[in-house]
Amino acid sequence: MSVTIVLPTALARHTDGKKSFVSDAKDLPGLLSEFDAKFPALAQNVKDENGKLRRFINVYINDEDIRFLGGDAHQFEDGDEVMLIPSIAGGHCGNRRWLTLPYGDLLS
Protein backbone atom coordinates (compact mmCIF):
# COMPACT_ATOMS: atom_id res chain seq x y z
CA MET A 1 0.00 0.00 0.00
CA SER A 2 1.27 3.48 -0.79
CA VAL A 3 -0.01 7.04 -0.68
CA THR A 4 1.28 10.15 -2.42
CA ILE A 5 2.25 13.04 -0.17
CA VAL A 6 1.89 16.49 -1.75
CA LEU A 7 3.51 19.59 -0.27
CA PRO A 8 3.36 23.28 -1.18
CA THR A 9 6.60 25.13 -1.93
CA ALA A 10 6.72 26.50 1.63
CA LEU A 11 7.14 22.96 3.00
CA ALA A 12 9.01 21.44 0.04
CA ARG A 13 12.07 23.49 0.97
CA HIS A 14 12.41 21.07 3.92
CA THR A 15 12.44 18.03 1.60
CA ASP A 16 15.25 19.13 -0.72
CA GLY A 17 12.67 20.60 -3.07
CA LYS A 18 10.48 17.50 -3.40
CA LYS A 19 6.87 18.64 -3.74
CA SER A 20 5.55 15.08 -3.76
CA PHE A 21 6.77 11.67 -2.71
CA VAL A 22 5.39 8.22 -1.99
CA SER A 23 4.86 6.92 1.54
CA ASP A 24 3.90 3.55 3.03
CA ALA A 25 2.34 5.18 6.12
CA LYS A 26 -1.03 3.78 7.11
CA ASP A 27 -2.25 6.87 9.00
CA LEU A 28 -1.24 10.41 9.99
CA PRO A 29 0.77 9.41 13.09
CA GLY A 30 2.68 6.92 10.94
CA LEU A 31 3.36 9.59 8.35
CA LEU A 32 4.68 11.99 10.99
CA SER A 33 7.00 9.25 12.29
CA GLU A 34 8.22 8.66 8.74
CA PHE A 35 9.10 12.35 8.48
CA ASP A 36 11.45 11.94 11.47
CA ALA A 37 13.54 9.44 9.52
CA LYS A 38 13.27 10.74 5.95
CA PHE A 39 12.85 14.51 6.34
CA PRO A 40 13.90 15.71 9.81
CA ALA A 41 13.66 19.39 8.79
CA LEU A 42 10.07 18.84 7.64
CA ALA A 43 9.26 16.98 10.85
CA GLN A 44 10.57 19.88 12.89
CA ASN A 45 8.32 22.30 11.01
CA VAL A 46 5.07 20.32 11.02
CA LYS A 47 5.28 18.68 14.48
CA ASP A 48 5.01 20.33 17.87
CA GLU A 49 7.13 19.53 20.94
CA ASN A 50 4.83 16.55 21.72
CA GLY A 51 5.23 15.00 18.28
CA LYS A 52 1.71 15.95 17.20
CA LEU A 53 0.80 17.83 14.05
CA ARG A 54 1.00 21.58 14.59
CA ARG A 55 -2.36 23.33 14.69
CA PHE A 56 -1.61 25.52 11.69
CA ILE A 57 -0.94 22.55 9.37
CA ASN A 58 -4.05 21.35 7.54
CA VAL A 59 -4.19 17.83 6.12
CA TYR A 60 -6.38 16.83 3.20
CA ILE A 61 -6.98 13.29 1.98
CA ASN A 62 -8.16 13.35 -1.63
CA ASP A 63 -9.30 16.97 -1.09
CA GLU A 64 -11.24 16.09 2.12
CA ASP A 65 -10.19 17.66 5.42
CA ILE A 66 -8.84 14.87 7.63
CA ARG A 67 -10.64 16.38 10.65
CA PHE A 68 -13.94 15.32 9.06
CA LEU A 69 -12.62 11.84 8.21
CA GLY A 70 -11.70 10.87 11.78
CA GLY A 71 -8.45 12.78 12.35
CA ASP A 72 -5.47 10.73 13.51
CA ALA A 73 -7.57 7.56 13.49
CA HIS A 74 -8.28 7.79 9.76
CA GLN A 75 -6.62 4.95 7.86
CA PHE A 76 -5.07 5.83 4.52
CA GLU A 77 -6.07 3.72 1.54
CA ASP A 78 -3.89 2.62 -1.33
CA GLY A 79 -3.55 5.45 -3.85
CA ASP A 80 -4.72 8.25 -1.53
CA GLU A 81 -3.30 11.72 -2.07
CA VAL A 82 -2.34 13.36 1.23
CA MET A 83 -1.77 17.11 1.14
CA LEU A 84 -0.20 19.09 3.99
CA ILE A 85 -1.07 22.76 3.74
CA PRO A 86 0.06 25.40 6.23
CA SER A 87 -2.55 27.97 7.23
CA ILE A 88 -1.95 31.49 6.05
CA ALA A 89 -2.82 34.39 8.30
CA GLY A 90 -3.15 38.07 7.56
CA GLY A 91 -0.81 40.71 8.78
CA HIS A 92 -0.62 44.36 9.66
CA CYS A 93 -0.53 46.84 6.80
CA GLY A 94 1.02 49.68 8.82
CA ASN A 95 -0.35 53.19 8.64
CA ARG A 96 -3.97 53.60 7.65
CA ARG A 97 -4.85 56.11 5.00
CA TRP A 98 -8.23 57.75 4.92
CA LEU A 99 -9.89 58.82 1.75
CA THR A 100 -10.51 62.55 1.66
CA LEU A 101 -13.08 63.76 -0.79
CA PRO A 102 -12.50 67.12 -2.48
CA TYR A 103 -16.02 68.22 -1.59
CA GLY A 104 -15.88 67.34 2.11
CA ASP A 105 -17.25 70.76 3.10
CA LEU A 106 -20.51 69.99 1.34
CA LEU A 107 -21.16 66.98 3.59
CA SER A 108 -20.97 68.88 6.90
C-alpha atoms as a PDB file:
ATOM      1  CA  MET A   1       0.000   0.000   0.000  1.00  0.00           C
ATOM      2  CA  SER A   2       1.266   3.482  -0.791  1.00  0.00           C
ATOM      3  CA  VAL A   3      -0.013   7.039  -0.684  1.00  0.00           C
ATOM      4  CA  THR A   4       1.277  10.146  -2.416  1.00  0.00           C
ATOM      5  CA  ILE A   5       2.253  13.039  -0.168  1.00  0.00           C
ATOM      6  CA  VAL A   6       1.887  16.490  -1.753  1.00  0.00           C
ATOM      7  CA  LEU A   7       3.508  19.587  -0.274  1.00  0.00           C
ATOM      8  CA  PRO A   8       3.359  23.281  -1.182  1.00  0.00           C
ATOM      9  CA  THR A   9       6.597  25.129  -1.929  1.00  0.00           C
ATOM     10  CA  ALA A  10       6.721  26.501   1.628  1.00  0.00           C
ATOM     11  CA  LEU A  11       7.140  22.959   3.002  1.00  0.00           C
ATOM     12  CA  ALA A  12       9.011  21.442   0.043  1.00  0.00           C
ATOM     13  CA  ARG A  13      12.073  23.494   0.971  1.00  0.00           C
ATOM     14  CA  HIS A  14      12.415  21.074   3.921  1.00  0.00           C
ATOM     15  CA  THR A  15      12.443  18.027   1.599  1.00  0.00           C
ATOM     16  CA  ASP A  16      15.249  19.125  -0.716  1.00  0.00           C
ATOM     17  CA  GLY A  17      12.665  20.598  -3.069  1.00  0.00           C
ATOM     18  CA  LYS A  18      10.476  17.501  -3.401  1.00  0.00           C
ATOM     19  CA  LYS A  19       6.874  18.644  -3.744  1.00  0.00           C
ATOM     20  CA  SER A  20       5.553  15.080  -3.760  1.00  0.00           C
ATOM     21  CA  PHE A  21       6.773  11.667  -2.711  1.00  0.00           C
ATOM     22  CA  VAL A  22       5.395   8.218  -1.992  1.00  0.00           C
ATOM     23  CA  SER A  23       4.857   6.920   1.538  1.00  0.00           C
ATOM     24  CA  ASP A  24       3.904   3.546   3.025  1.00  0.00           C
ATOM     25  CA  ALA A  25       2.340   5.180   6.119  1.00  0.00           C
ATOM     26  CA  LYS A  26      -1.031   3.780   7.113  1.00  0.00           C
ATOM     27  CA  ASP A  27      -2.246   6.868   8.998  1.00  0.00           C
ATOM     28  CA  LEU A  28      -1.237  10.406   9.991  1.00  0.00           C
ATOM     29  CA  PRO A  29       0.771   9.415  13.094  1.00  0.00           C
ATOM     30  CA  GLY A  30       2.680   6.920  10.939  1.00  0.00           C
ATOM     31  CA  LEU A  31       3.355   9.593   8.354  1.00  0.00           C
ATOM     32  CA  LEU A  32       4.680  11.988  10.992  1.00  0.00           C
ATOM     33  CA  SER A  33       7.002   9.247  12.287  1.00  0.00           C
ATOM     34  CA  GLU A  34       8.218   8.655   8.742  1.00  0.00           C
ATOM     35  CA  PHE A  35       9.096  12.351   8.477  1.00  0.00           C
ATOM     36  CA  ASP A  36      11.448  11.943  11.466  1.00  0.00           C
ATOM     37  CA  ALA A  37      13.541   9.441   9.525  1.00  0.00           C
ATOM     38  CA  LYS A  38      13.272  10.738   5.949  1.00  0.00           C
ATOM     39  CA  PHE A  39      12.855  14.509   6.335  1.00  0.00           C
ATOM     40  CA  PRO A  40      13.901  15.710   9.813  1.00  0.00           C
ATOM     41  CA  ALA A  41      13.663  19.391   8.794  1.00  0.00           C
ATOM     42  CA  LEU A  42      10.074  18.845   7.640  1.00  0.00           C
ATOM     43  CA  ALA A  43       9.255  16.976  10.849  1.00  0.00           C
ATOM     44  CA  GLN A  44      10.570  19.880  12.894  1.00  0.00           C
ATOM     45  CA  ASN A  45       8.321  22.300  11.008  1.00  0.00           C
ATOM     46  CA  VAL A  46       5.072  20.316  11.019  1.00  0.00           C
ATOM     47  CA  LYS A  47       5.279  18.680  14.477  1.00  0.00           C
ATOM     48  CA  ASP A  48       5.013  20.326  17.871  1.00  0.00           C
ATOM     49  CA  GLU A  49       7.129  19.531  20.942  1.00  0.00           C
ATOM     50  CA  ASN A  50       4.830  16.552  21.716  1.00  0.00           C
ATOM     51  CA  GLY A  51       5.233  15.003  18.281  1.00  0.00           C
ATOM     52  CA  LYS A  52       1.712  15.951  17.200  1.00  0.00           C
ATOM     53  CA  LEU A  53       0.796  17.829  14.050  1.00  0.00           C
ATOM     54  CA  ARG A  54       1.002  21.584  14.585  1.00  0.00           C
ATOM     55  CA  ARG A  55      -2.362  23.328  14.692  1.00  0.00           C
ATOM     56  CA  PHE A  56      -1.613  25.522  11.689  1.00  0.00           C
ATOM     57  CA  ILE A  57      -0.944  22.552   9.374  1.00  0.00           C
ATOM     58  CA  ASN A  58      -4.051  21.350   7.541  1.00  0.00           C
ATOM     59  CA  VAL A  59      -4.192  17.826   6.123  1.00  0.00           C
ATOM     60  CA  TYR A  60      -6.383  16.830   3.205  1.00  0.00           C
ATOM     61  CA  ILE A  61      -6.983  13.289   1.982  1.00  0.00           C
ATOM     62  CA  ASN A  62      -8.162  13.345  -1.633  1.00  0.00           C
ATOM     63  CA  ASP A  63      -9.297  16.967  -1.086  1.00  0.00           C
ATOM     64  CA  GLU A  64     -11.237  16.093   2.115  1.00  0.00           C
ATOM     65  CA  ASP A  65     -10.190  17.664   5.422  1.00  0.00           C
ATOM     66  CA  ILE A  66      -8.835  14.867   7.635  1.00  0.00           C
ATOM     67  CA  ARG A  67     -10.643  16.382  10.649  1.00  0.00           C
ATOM     68  CA  PHE A  68     -13.942  15.315   9.055  1.00  0.00           C
ATOM     69  CA  LEU A  69     -12.624  11.844   8.214  1.00  0.00           C
ATOM     70  CA  GLY A  70     -11.695  10.872  11.777  1.00  0.00           C
ATOM     71  CA  GLY A  71      -8.454  12.779  12.346  1.00  0.00           C
ATOM     72  CA  ASP A  72      -5.471  10.734  13.513  1.00  0.00           C
ATOM     73  CA  ALA A  73      -7.572   7.564  13.495  1.00  0.00           C
ATOM     74  CA  HIS A  74      -8.279   7.792   9.762  1.00  0.00           C
ATOM     75  CA  GLN A  75      -6.619   4.947   7.861  1.00  0.00           C
ATOM     76  CA  PHE A  76      -5.074   5.834   4.518  1.00  0.00           C
ATOM     77  CA  GLU A  77      -6.074   3.717   1.539  1.00  0.00           C
ATOM     78  CA  ASP A  78      -3.888   2.624  -1.327  1.00  0.00           C
ATOM     79  CA  GLY A  79      -3.552   5.454  -3.849  1.00  0.00           C
ATOM     80  CA  ASP A  80      -4.716   8.247  -1.528  1.00  0.00           C
ATOM     81  CA  GLU A  81      -3.303  11.723  -2.069  1.00  0.00           C
ATOM     82  CA  VAL A  82      -2.337  13.362   1.231  1.00  0.00           C
ATOM     83  CA  MET A  83      -1.769  17.115   1.145  1.00  0.00           C
ATOM     84  CA  LEU A  84      -0.196  19.085   3.991  1.00  0.00           C
ATOM     85  CA  ILE A  85      -1.072  22.762   3.736  1.00  0.00           C
ATOM     86  CA  PRO A  86       0.062  25.402   6.235  1.00  0.00           C
ATOM     87  CA  SER A  87      -2.548  27.970   7.232  1.00  0.00           C
ATOM     88  CA  ILE A  88      -1.947  31.491   6.046  1.00  0.00           C
ATOM     89  CA  ALA A  89      -2.823  34.393   8.298  1.00  0.00           C
ATOM     90  CA  GLY A  90      -3.150  38.073   7.556  1.00  0.00           C
ATOM     91  CA  GLY A  91      -0.813  40.715   8.783  1.00  0.00           C
ATOM     92  CA  HIS A  92      -0.620  44.355   9.661  1.00  0.00           C
ATOM     93  CA  CYS A  93      -0.532  46.839   6.803  1.00  0.00           C
ATOM     94  CA  GLY A  94       1.016  49.679   8.824  1.00  0.00           C
ATOM     95  CA  ASN A  95      -0.355  53.194   8.635  1.00  0.00           C
ATOM     96  CA  ARG A  96      -3.972  53.600   7.647  1.00  0.00           C
ATOM     97  CA  ARG A  97      -4.853  56.110   5.003  1.00  0.00           C
ATOM     98  CA  TRP A  98      -8.232  57.750   4.919  1.00  0.00           C
ATOM     99  CA  LEU A  99      -9.892  58.815   1.748  1.00  0.00           C
ATOM    100  CA  THR A 100     -10.513  62.551   1.659  1.00  0.00           C
ATOM    101  CA  LEU A 101     -13.085  63.760  -0.789  1.00  0.00           C
ATOM    102  CA  PRO A 102     -12.499  67.117  -2.476  1.00  0.00           C
ATOM    103  CA  TYR A 103     -16.020  68.222  -1.590  1.00  0.00           C
ATOM    104  CA  GLY A 104     -15.882  67.342   2.109  1.00  0.00           C
ATOM    105  CA  ASP A 105     -17.249  70.756   3.099  1.00  0.00           C
ATOM    106  CA  LEU A 106     -20.508  69.993   1.343  1.00  0.00           C
ATOM    107  CA  LEU A 107     -21.156  66.984   3.587  1.00  0.00           C
ATOM    108  CA  SER A 108     -20.974  68.882   6.896  1.00  0.00           C
END
